[in-house]
Amino acid sequence: MQTTPPVALVTGASSGIGRAAAFALADAGFAVVGTSRNAANVQPLAGVTFLDLDVASDKSVRSLVGEVIERFGRIDVLVNNAGVGAVGAGEESSIDQAKEVFDINVFGLMRMTNAVLPHMRAQRSGRVVNVASVLGLIPAPFQAVYAATKHAVEGYAESVDHELREHGVRMLLVEPAYTSTSFETSSLTPDSPLPVYAAQREIARDVLATALRTADAPDVVAKVIVAAATDAKPKLRYTAGPMAGRVSLMRRMVPSRAFDKQLRKLNRLAG
């Protein structure tokens, strides 16, 4: 019988959803390790130990997971939250820039997952909770590269979940809609901007900024992350917040032509 608190590891925990999730997991009784590129600059959080991590570095990932196992003895929950946004037309991002976004949002998630799975399989228990997005379910004009990473996370997580269940481990998805964080200001801008997209790109930024002003608080997503980490019978997918629930339902139920028309209207696209 386990007598010590379960251990949760949260990537990208210095702010936003990650910080809220780290706090909520600590409040739920977990010993929490939060990560940041520079943990020394992170404001302390009760019940959370902050450590350095670069999810785009194999060496950093191996070192971090090894340190957590050495200090805490186990990892029961991994929350893959670290990520970066990208705003601009698909054509405006070079392949190198797209690789950068994928290296954090997709390959970083894979690195972390591969690093913790041997420990979880050995203890015959564990959950990997991936902070995905409803933009992994629907098109995202002028966020094509970002949406592509979230679509990739959806496919990867659902596939790996089937592989892991017999070993007592689950791979789960939390799907927020817009969340009130610094996402817009920290998103990458196109490294190959084209005049033909300039006007619509600014409209897209305005649409995003408007949506973020009335978006869900990070605490809303954090509560769902705790549910995914603790539910006795976990679901593969957890939508986070009312907008995410509506979008997920519409994607499944609304005919494609009608959905396409509404999406273009909401994004103020011509035609």
C-alpha atoms as a PDB file:
ATOM      1  CA  MET A   1       0.000   0.000   0.000  1.00  0.00           C
ATOM      2  CA  GLN A   2       1.342   3.422  -0.981  1.00  0.00           C
ATOM      3  CA  THR A   3       1.804   5.589   2.114  1.00  0.00           C
ATOM      4  CA  THR A   4       3.542   8.585   0.529  1.00  0.00           C
ATOM      5  CA  PRO A   5       1.683  11.210  -1.527  1.00  0.00           C
ATOM      6  CA  PRO A   6       1.339  10.491  -5.248  1.00  0.00           C
ATOM      7  CA  VAL A   7       3.767  12.478  -7.372  1.00  0.00           C
ATOM      8  CA  ALA A   8       2.701  14.733 -10.254  1.00  0.00           C
ATOM      9  CA  LEU A   9       5.095  16.292 -12.763  1.00  0.00           C
ATOM     10  CA  VAL A  10       3.784  19.349 -14.631  1.00  0.00           C
ATOM     11  CA  THR A  11       5.690  20.847 -17.567  1.00  0.00           C
ATOM     12  CA  GLY A  12       5.424  24.539 -18.380  1.00  0.00           C
ATOM     13  CA  ALA A  13       4.315  25.338 -14.829  1.00  0.00           C
ATOM     14  CA  SER A  14       5.691  28.862 -14.487  1.00  0.00           C
ATOM     15  CA  SER A  15       2.442  30.553 -15.560  1.00  0.00           C
ATOM     16  CA  GLY A  16      -1.013  30.095 -17.038  1.00  0.00           C
ATOM     17  CA  ILE A  17      -2.593  26.645 -17.196  1.00  0.00           C
ATOM     18  CA  GLY A  18       0.553  24.890 -15.978  1.00  0.00           C
ATOM     19  CA  ARG A  19       0.864  26.990 -12.834  1.00  0.00           C
ATOM     20  CA  ALA A  20      -2.853  26.642 -12.066  1.00  0.00           C
ATOM     21  CA  ALA A  21      -2.618  22.872 -12.594  1.00  0.00           C
ATOM     22  CA  ALA A  22       0.416  22.573 -10.313  1.00  0.00           C
ATOM     23  CA  PHE A  23      -1.413  24.460  -7.554  1.00  0.00           C
ATOM     24  CA  ALA A  24      -4.615  22.423  -7.994  1.00  0.00           C
ATOM     25  CA  LEU A  25      -2.753  19.101  -7.923  1.00  0.00           C
ATOM     26  CA  ALA A  26      -0.885  20.132  -4.758  1.00  0.00           C
ATOM     27  CA  ASP A  27      -4.225  21.105  -3.214  1.00  0.00           C
ATOM     28  CA  ALA A  28      -5.553  17.640  -4.181  1.00  0.00           C
ATOM     29  CA  GLY A  29      -2.795  15.954  -2.187  1.00  0.00           C
ATOM     30  CA  PHE A  30      -0.072  15.389  -4.769  1.00  0.00           C
ATOM     31  CA  ALA A  31       3.606  16.083  -4.281  1.00  0.00           C
ATOM     32  CA  VAL A  32       4.093  18.326  -7.313  1.00  0.00           C
ATOM     33  CA  VAL A  33       7.124  19.072  -9.437  1.00  0.00           C
ATOM     34  CA  GLY A  34       6.650  21.991 -11.803  1.00  0.00           C
ATOM     35  CA  THR A  35       9.085  22.748 -14.588  1.00  0.00           C
ATOM     36  CA  SER A  36      10.253  25.876 -16.344  1.00  0.00           C
ATOM     37  CA  ARG A  37      13.124  26.775 -18.652  1.00  0.00           C
ATOM     38  CA  ASN A  38      14.524  28.847 -15.779  1.00  0.00           C
ATOM     39  CA  ALA A  39      13.065  27.647 -12.489  1.00  0.00           C
ATOM     40  CA  ALA A  40      15.137  30.134 -10.474  1.00  0.00           C
ATOM     41  CA  ASN A  41      13.012  32.977 -11.862  1.00  0.00           C
ATOM     42  CA  VAL A  42       9.654  31.348 -11.092  1.00  0.00           C
ATOM     43  CA  GLN A  43       7.566  32.807  -8.277  1.00  0.00           C
ATOM     44  CA  PRO A  44       7.351  30.155  -5.511  1.00  0.00           C
ATOM     45  CA  LEU A  45       4.123  28.187  -5.145  1.00  0.00           C
ATOM     46  CA  ALA A  46       3.111  26.351  -1.974  1.00  0.00           C
ATOM     47  CA  GLY A  47       3.486  22.601  -2.314  1.00  0.00           C
ATOM     48  CA  VAL A  48       5.337  22.778  -5.633  1.00  0.00           C
ATOM     49  CA  THR A  49       9.019  22.095  -6.299  1.00  0.00           C
ATOM     50  CA  PHE A  50      10.247  23.896  -9.415  1.00  0.00           C
ATOM     51  CA  LEU A  51      13.017  22.405 -11.559  1.00  0.00           C
ATOM     52  CA  ASP A  52      14.643  23.401 -14.855  1.00  0.00           C
ATOM     53  CA  LEU A  53      13.486  21.708 -18.050  1.00  0.00           C
ATOM     54  CA  ASP A  54      13.746  22.268 -21.788  1.00  0.00           C
ATOM     55  CA  VAL A  55      11.306  19.835 -23.405  1.00  0.00           C
ATOM     56  CA  ALA A  56      13.102  20.296 -26.732  1.00  0.00           C
ATOM     57  CA  SER A  57      16.289  18.755 -25.296  1.00  0.00           C
ATOM     58  CA  ASP A  58      16.697  14.987 -24.918  1.00  0.00           C
ATOM     59  CA  LYS A  59      19.414  15.550 -22.304  1.00  0.00           C
ATOM     60  CA  SER A  60      17.307  17.968 -20.262  1.00  0.00           C
ATOM     61  CA  VAL A  61      14.316  15.609 -20.273  1.00  0.00           C
ATOM     62  CA  ARG A  62      16.391  12.603 -19.183  1.00  0.00           C
ATOM     63  CA  SER A  63      18.074  14.632 -16.439  1.00  0.00           C
ATOM     64  CA  LEU A  64      14.810  16.038 -15.106  1.00  0.00           C
ATOM     65  CA  VAL A  65      12.964  12.719 -14.970  1.00  0.00           C
ATOM     66  CA  GLY A  66      15.978  11.065 -13.339  1.00  0.00           C
ATOM     67  CA  GLU A  67      16.112  13.786 -10.689  1.00  0.00           C
ATOM     68  CA  VAL A  68      12.395  13.481  -9.918  1.00  0.00           C
ATOM     69  CA  ILE A  69      12.667   9.692  -9.530  1.00  0.00           C
ATOM     70  CA  GLU A  70      15.721  10.079  -7.303  1.00  0.00           C
ATOM     71  CA  ARG A  71      14.133  12.716  -5.060  1.00  0.00           C
ATOM     72  CA  PHE A  72      10.551  11.468  -4.927  1.00  0.00           C
ATOM     73  CA  GLY A  73      10.856   7.770  -5.765  1.00  0.00           C
ATOM     74  CA  ARG A  74       8.082   7.649  -8.346  1.00  0.00           C
ATOM     75  CA  ILE A  75       5.994   9.554 -10.894  1.00  0.00           C
ATOM     76  CA  ASP A  76       2.259   8.910 -10.831  1.00  0.00           C
ATOM     77  CA  VAL A  77       1.003  11.659 -13.132  1.00  0.00           C
ATOM     78  CA  LEU A  78       2.719  13.537 -15.939  1.00  0.00           C
ATOM     79  CA  VAL A  79       0.949  16.661 -17.182  1.00  0.00           C
ATOM     80  CA  ASN A  80       2.287  17.569 -20.620  1.00  0.00           C
ATOM     81  CA  ASN A  81       1.456  21.261 -20.684  1.00  0.00           C
ATOM     82  CA  ALA A  82       4.544  23.027 -22.096  1.00  0.00           C
ATOM     83  CA  GLY A  83       3.812  24.533 -25.482  1.00  0.00           C
ATOM     84  CA  VAL A  84       4.155  27.488 -27.807  1.00  0.00           C
ATOM     85  CA  GLY A  85       1.658  29.208 -30.092  1.00  0.00           C
ATOM     86  CA  ALA A  86       2.096  30.406 -33.647  1.00  0.00           C
ATOM     87  CA  VAL A  87      -0.106  32.939 -35.428  1.00  0.00           C
ATOM     88  CA  GLY A  88       0.027  33.496 -39.184  1.00  0.00           C
ATOM     89  CA  ALA A  89      -0.922  31.846 -42.455  1.00  0.00           C
ATOM     90  CA  GLY A  90       0.501  28.396 -43.002  1.00  0.00           C
ATOM     91  CA  GLU A  91       2.506  29.639 -45.974  1.00  0.00           C
ATOM     92  CA  GLU A  92       4.144  32.315 -43.832  1.00  0.00           C
ATOM     93  CA  SER A  93       6.011  29.930 -41.541  1.00  0.00           C
ATOM     94  CA  SER A  94       9.238  28.426 -42.828  1.00  0.00           C
ATOM     95  CA  ILE A  95       9.783  24.711 -42.349  1.00  0.00           C
ATOM     96  CA  ASP A  96      12.397  25.551 -39.730  1.00  0.00           C
ATOM     97  CA  GLN A  97       9.860  27.588 -37.778  1.00  0.00           C
ATOM     98  CA  ALA A  98       7.262  24.831 -38.064  1.00  0.00           C
ATOM     99  CA  LYS A  99       9.864  22.361 -36.796  1.00  0.00           C
ATOM    100  CA  GLU A 100      10.470  24.613 -33.790  1.00  0.00           C
ATOM    101  CA  VAL A 101       6.776  24.587 -32.875  1.00  0.00           C
ATOM    102  CA  PHE A 102       6.511  20.827 -33.404  1.00  0.00           C
ATOM    103  CA  ASP A 103       9.673  20.231 -31.382  1.00  0.00           C
ATOM    104  CA  ILE A 104       8.036  21.763 -28.318  1.00  0.00           C
ATOM    105  CA  ASN A 105       4.345  20.933 -28.737  1.00  0.00           C
ATOM    106  CA  VAL A 106       4.653  17.408 -30.155  1.00  0.00           C
ATOM    107  CA  PHE A 107       8.164  16.002 -29.844  1.00  0.00           C
ATOM    108  CA  GLY A 108       8.596  17.593 -26.405  1.00  0.00           C
ATOM    109  CA  LEU A 109       5.439  15.810 -25.286  1.00  0.00           C
ATOM    110  CA  MET A 110       6.757  12.563 -26.784  1.00  0.00           C
ATOM    111  CA  ARG A 111      10.139  12.986 -25.082  1.00  0.00           C
ATOM    112  CA  MET A 112       8.531  13.455 -21.707  1.00  0.00           C
ATOM    113  CA  THR A 113       6.122  10.574 -22.227  1.00  0.00           C
ATOM    114  CA  ASN A 114       8.856   8.171 -23.310  1.00  0.00           C
ATOM    115  CA  ALA A 115      10.967   9.186 -20.324  1.00  0.00           C
ATOM    116  CA  VAL A 116       8.300   8.458 -17.693  1.00  0.00           C
ATOM    117  CA  LEU A 117       6.638   5.385 -19.206  1.00  0.00           C
ATOM    118  CA  PRO A 118       9.263   2.832 -18.091  1.00  0.00           C
ATOM    119  CA  HIS A 119       8.712   3.932 -14.469  1.00  0.00           C
ATOM    120  CA  MET A 120       4.923   3.891 -14.786  1.00  0.00           C
ATOM    121  CA  ARG A 121       4.892   0.476 -16.432  1.00  0.00           C
ATOM    122  CA  ALA A 122       7.192  -0.880 -13.725  1.00  0.00           C
ATOM    123  CA  GLN A 123       4.813   0.313 -10.994  1.00  0.00           C
ATOM    124  CA  ARG A 124       1.802  -0.859 -13.056  1.00  0.00           C
ATOM    125  CA  SER A 125       0.097   2.505 -12.674  1.00  0.00           C
ATOM    126  CA  GLY A 126       0.275   6.038 -13.948  1.00  0.00           C
ATOM    127  CA  ARG A 127      -1.417   8.664 -16.075  1.00  0.00           C
ATOM    128  CA  VAL A 128      -0.098  10.961 -18.757  1.00  0.00           C
ATOM    129  CA  VAL A 129      -2.429  13.952 -19.051  1.00  0.00           C
ATOM    130  CA  ASN A 130      -1.871  15.948 -22.222  1.00  0.00           C
ATOM    131  CA  VAL A 131      -3.082  19.539 -22.466  1.00  0.00           C
ATOM    132  CA  ALA A 132      -4.372  19.494 -26.016  1.00  0.00           C
ATOM    133  CA  SER A 133      -6.908  21.960 -27.462  1.00  0.00           C
ATOM    134  CA  VAL A 134     -10.179  22.084 -29.316  1.00  0.00           C
ATOM    135  CA  LEU A 135      -7.950  23.338 -32.145  1.00  0.00           C
ATOM    136  CA  GLY A 136      -6.883  19.703 -32.376  1.00  0.00           C
ATOM    137  CA  LEU A 137     -10.475  18.937 -33.393  1.00  0.00           C
ATOM    138  CA  ILE A 138     -11.271  21.787 -35.773  1.00  0.00           C
ATOM    139  CA  PRO A 139      -9.539  23.954 -38.402  1.00  0.00           C
ATOM    140  CA  ALA A 140      -7.776  27.079 -37.180  1.00  0.00           C
ATOM    141  CA  PRO A 141      -7.238  29.601 -39.992  1.00  0.00           C
ATOM    142  CA  PHE A 142      -4.076  31.644 -39.424  1.00  0.00           C
ATOM    143  CA  GLN A 143      -3.003  29.229 -36.705  1.00  0.00           C
ATOM    144  CA  ALA A 144      -2.390  26.321 -39.049  1.00  0.00           C
ATOM    145  CA  VAL A 145       0.979  25.231 -37.663  1.00  0.00           C
ATOM    146  CA  TYR A 146      -0.243  25.375 -34.070  1.00  0.00           C
ATOM    147  CA  ALA A 147      -3.439  23.503 -34.948  1.00  0.00           C
ATOM    148  CA  ALA A 148      -1.379  20.875 -36.768  1.00  0.00           C
ATOM    149  CA  THR A 149       0.575  20.199 -33.568  1.00  0.00           C
ATOM    150  CA  LYS A 150      -2.605  19.782 -31.576  1.00  0.00           C
ATOM    151  CA  HIS A 151      -4.086  17.450 -34.196  1.00  0.00           C
ATOM    152  CA  ALA A 152      -0.872  15.429 -33.923  1.00  0.00           C
ATOM    153  CA  VAL A 153      -1.181  15.270 -30.131  1.00  0.00           C
ATOM    154  CA  GLU A 154      -4.752  13.994 -30.449  1.00  0.00           C
ATOM    155  CA  GLY A 155      -3.751  11.150 -32.757  1.00  0.00           C
ATOM    156  CA  TYR A 156      -0.635  10.258 -30.786  1.00  0.00           C
ATOM    157  CA  ALA A 157      -2.317  10.230 -27.382  1.00  0.00           C
ATOM    158  CA  GLU A 158      -5.344   8.204 -28.458  1.00  0.00           C
ATOM    159  CA  SER A 159      -3.108   5.618 -30.155  1.00  0.00           C
ATOM    160  CA  VAL A 160      -0.658   5.295 -27.252  1.00  0.00           C
ATOM    161  CA  ASP A 161      -3.529   5.002 -24.774  1.00  0.00           C
ATOM    162  CA  HIS A 162      -4.550   1.731 -26.461  1.00  0.00           C
ATOM    163  CA  GLU A 163      -0.978   0.472 -26.133  1.00  0.00           C
ATOM    164  CA  LEU A 164      -0.711   1.268 -22.427  1.00  0.00           C
ATOM    165  CA  ARG A 165      -3.959   0.161 -20.844  1.00  0.00           C
ATOM    166  CA  GLU A 166      -2.846  -3.446 -20.289  1.00  0.00           C
ATOM    167  CA  HIS A 167       0.133  -2.082 -18.335  1.00  0.00           C
ATOM    168  CA  GLY A 168      -2.022  -0.083 -15.916  1.00  0.00           C
ATOM    169  CA  VAL A 169      -1.179   3.262 -17.534  1.00  0.00           C
ATOM    170  CA  ARG A 170      -3.513   5.719 -19.267  1.00  0.00           C
ATOM    171  CA  MET A 171      -2.797   8.450 -21.835  1.00  0.00           C
ATOM    172  CA  LEU A 172      -5.477  11.152 -21.584  1.00  0.00           C
ATOM    173  CA  LEU A 173      -6.429  14.392 -23.313  1.00  0.00           C
ATOM    174  CA  VAL A 174      -7.653  17.647 -21.781  1.00  0.00           C
ATOM    175  CA  GLU A 175      -9.107  19.940 -24.443  1.00  0.00           C
ATOM    176  CA  PRO A 176      -9.547  23.609 -23.489  1.00  0.00           C
ATOM    177  CA  ALA A 177     -10.876  26.303 -25.769  1.00  0.00           C
ATOM    178  CA  TYR A 178      -9.482  29.832 -25.419  1.00  0.00           C
ATOM    179  CA  THR A 179      -7.962  30.365 -21.969  1.00  0.00           C
ATOM    180  CA  SER A 180      -7.043  33.666 -20.334  1.00  0.00           C
ATOM    181  CA  THR A 181      -3.249  33.417 -20.464  1.00  0.00           C
ATOM    182  CA  SER A 182      -0.365  35.160 -22.225  1.00  0.00           C
ATOM    183  CA  PHE A 183      -0.825  32.837 -25.220  1.00  0.00           C
ATOM    184  CA  GLU A 184      -1.342  35.621 -27.762  1.00  0.00           C
ATOM    185  CA  THR A 185       1.608  37.762 -26.695  1.00  0.00           C
ATOM    186  CA  SER A 186       3.959  34.782 -26.447  1.00  0.00           C
ATOM    187  CA  SER A 187       2.938  33.180 -29.763  1.00  0.00           C
ATOM    188  CA  LEU A 188       5.499  33.127 -32.552  1.00  0.00           C
ATOM    189  CA  THR A 189       4.987  35.529 -35.443  1.00  0.00           C
ATOM    190  CA  PRO A 190       5.627  34.381 -39.022  1.00  0.00           C
ATOM    191  CA  ASP A 191       9.267  34.332 -40.030  1.00  0.00           C
ATOM    192  CA  SER A 192       8.326  34.587 -43.728  1.00  0.00           C
ATOM    193  CA  PRO A 193       5.444  37.116 -43.747  1.00  0.00           C
ATOM    194  CA  LEU A 194       3.711  37.765 -47.072  1.00  0.00           C
ATOM    195  CA  PRO A 195       1.879  40.991 -47.964  1.00  0.00           C
ATOM    196  CA  VAL A 196      -1.008  39.033 -49.469  1.00  0.00           C
ATOM    197  CA  TYR A 197      -1.925  37.764 -45.977  1.00  0.00           C
ATOM    198  CA  ALA A 198      -1.142  40.916 -43.978  1.00  0.00           C
ATOM    199  CA  ALA A 199      -4.683  42.290 -43.650  1.00  0.00           C
ATOM    200  CA  GLN A 200      -6.295  38.958 -42.809  1.00  0.00           C
ATOM    201  CA  ARG A 201      -3.473  38.107 -40.401  1.00  0.00           C
ATOM    202  CA  GLU A 202      -4.256  41.253 -38.398  1.00  0.00           C
ATOM    203  CA  ILE A 203      -7.942  40.345 -38.410  1.00  0.00           C
ATOM    204  CA  ALA A 204      -7.013  36.900 -37.080  1.00  0.00           C
ATOM    205  CA  ARG A 205      -4.968  38.483 -34.299  1.00  0.00           C
ATOM    206  CA  ASP A 206      -7.911  40.719 -33.412  1.00  0.00           C
ATOM    207  CA  VAL A 207     -10.283  37.732 -33.361  1.00  0.00           C
ATOM    208  CA  LEU A 208      -7.879  35.896 -31.064  1.00  0.00           C
ATOM    209  CA  ALA A 209      -7.411  38.890 -28.757  1.00  0.00           C
ATOM    210  CA  THR A 210     -11.180  39.385 -28.527  1.00  0.00           C
ATOM    211  CA  ALA A 211     -11.729  35.723 -27.692  1.00  0.00           C
ATOM    212  CA  LEU A 212      -9.055  35.780 -24.991  1.00  0.00           C
ATOM    213  CA  ARG A 213     -10.671  38.749 -23.247  1.00  0.00           C
ATOM    214  CA  THR A 214     -13.705  36.611 -22.346  1.00  0.00           C
ATOM    215  CA  ALA A 215     -11.886  33.277 -22.159  1.00  0.00           C
ATOM    216  CA  ASP A 216     -11.975  30.749 -19.323  1.00  0.00           C
ATOM    217  CA  ALA A 217      -9.601  31.276 -16.417  1.00  0.00           C
ATOM    218  CA  PRO A 218      -6.698  28.802 -16.133  1.00  0.00           C
ATOM    219  CA  ASP A 219      -8.334  27.454 -12.952  1.00  0.00           C
ATOM    220  CA  VAL A 220     -11.158  26.037 -15.088  1.00  0.00           C
ATOM    221  CA  VAL A 221      -8.684  23.912 -17.023  1.00  0.00           C
ATOM    222  CA  ALA A 222      -6.751  23.022 -13.872  1.00  0.00           C
ATOM    223  CA  LYS A 223      -9.837  21.472 -12.268  1.00  0.00           C
ATOM    224  CA  VAL A 224     -10.311  19.275 -15.326  1.00  0.00           C
ATOM    225  CA  ILE A 225      -6.641  18.242 -15.232  1.00  0.00           C
ATOM    226  CA  VAL A 226      -7.109  17.136 -11.604  1.00  0.00           C
ATOM    227  CA  ALA A 227     -10.201  15.158 -12.636  1.00  0.00           C
ATOM    228  CA  ALA A 228      -8.238  13.416 -15.405  1.00  0.00           C
ATOM    229  CA  ALA A 229      -5.464  12.646 -12.895  1.00  0.00           C
ATOM    230  CA  THR A 230      -7.764  11.246 -10.218  1.00  0.00           C
ATOM    231  CA  ASP A 231     -10.984   9.856 -11.728  1.00  0.00           C
ATOM    232  CA  ALA A 232     -11.512   6.216 -10.771  1.00  0.00           C
ATOM    233  CA  LYS A 233     -12.624   5.484 -14.324  1.00  0.00           C
ATOM    234  CA  PRO A 234     -10.826   8.051 -16.508  1.00  0.00           C
ATOM    235  CA  LYS A 235     -12.112   9.137 -19.919  1.00  0.00           C
ATOM    236  CA  LEU A 236      -9.861   9.454 -22.938  1.00  0.00           C
ATOM    237  CA  ARG A 237     -11.010  13.036 -23.573  1.00  0.00           C
ATOM    238  CA  TYR A 238     -11.967  15.808 -21.161  1.00  0.00           C
ATOM    239  CA  THR A 239     -13.264  19.080 -22.557  1.00  0.00           C
ATOM    240  CA  ALA A 240     -12.432  22.036 -20.311  1.00  0.00           C
ATOM    241  CA  GLY A 241     -14.957  24.834 -20.058  1.00  0.00           C
ATOM    242  CA  PRO A 242     -18.355  25.465 -21.681  1.00  0.00           C
ATOM    243  CA  MET A 243     -16.994  26.763 -24.993  1.00  0.00           C
ATOM    244  CA  ALA A 244     -14.811  23.696 -25.443  1.00  0.00           C
ATOM    245  CA  GLY A 245     -17.822  21.488 -24.780  1.00  0.00           C
ATOM    246  CA  ARG A 246     -19.913  23.327 -27.364  1.00  0.00           C
ATOM    247  CA  VAL A 247     -17.185  23.221 -30.015  1.00  0.00           C
ATOM    248  CA  SER A 248     -16.580  19.502 -29.476  1.00  0.00           C
ATOM    249  CA  LEU A 249     -20.294  18.769 -29.740  1.00  0.00           C
ATOM    250  CA  MET A 250     -20.731  20.918 -32.841  1.00  0.00           C
ATOM    251  CA  ARG A 251     -17.798  19.235 -34.578  1.00  0.00           C
ATOM    252  CA  ARG A 252     -19.469  15.854 -34.077  1.00  0.00           C
ATOM    253  CA  MET A 253     -23.066  16.845 -34.772  1.00  0.00           C
ATOM    254  CA  VAL A 254     -23.191  19.770 -37.218  1.00  0.00           C
ATOM    255  CA  PRO A 255     -22.987  18.959 -40.963  1.00  0.00           C
ATOM    256  CA  SER A 256     -19.608  19.806 -42.480  1.00  0.00           C
ATOM    257  CA  ARG A 257     -20.916  22.517 -44.821  1.00  0.00           C
ATOM    258  CA  ALA A 258     -22.723  24.347 -42.012  1.00  0.00           C
ATOM    259  CA  PHE A 259     -19.746  24.014 -39.675  1.00  0.00           C
ATOM    260  CA  ASP A 260     -17.413  25.362 -42.357  1.00  0.00           C
ATOM    261  CA  LYS A 261     -19.675  28.351 -42.986  1.00  0.00           C
ATOM    262  CA  GLN A 262     -19.910  29.210 -39.287  1.00  0.00           C
ATOM    263  CA  LEU A 263     -16.149  28.863 -38.797  1.00  0.00           C
ATOM    264  CA  ARG A 264     -15.451  31.286 -41.643  1.00  0.00           C
ATOM    265  CA  LYS A 265     -17.974  33.744 -40.236  1.00  0.00           C
ATOM    266  CA  LEU A 266     -16.445  33.635 -36.748  1.00  0.00           C
ATOM    267  CA  ASN A 267     -12.976  34.171 -38.204  1.00  0.00           C
ATOM    268  CA  ARG A 268     -14.205  37.004 -40.455  1.00  0.00           C
ATOM    269  CA  LEU A 269     -13.013  35.274 -43.593  1.00  0.00           C
ATOM    270  CA  ALA A 270     -14.319  36.369 -47.002  1.00  0.00           C
ATOM    271  CA  GLY A 271     -16.276  34.076 -49.284  1.00  0.00           C
END
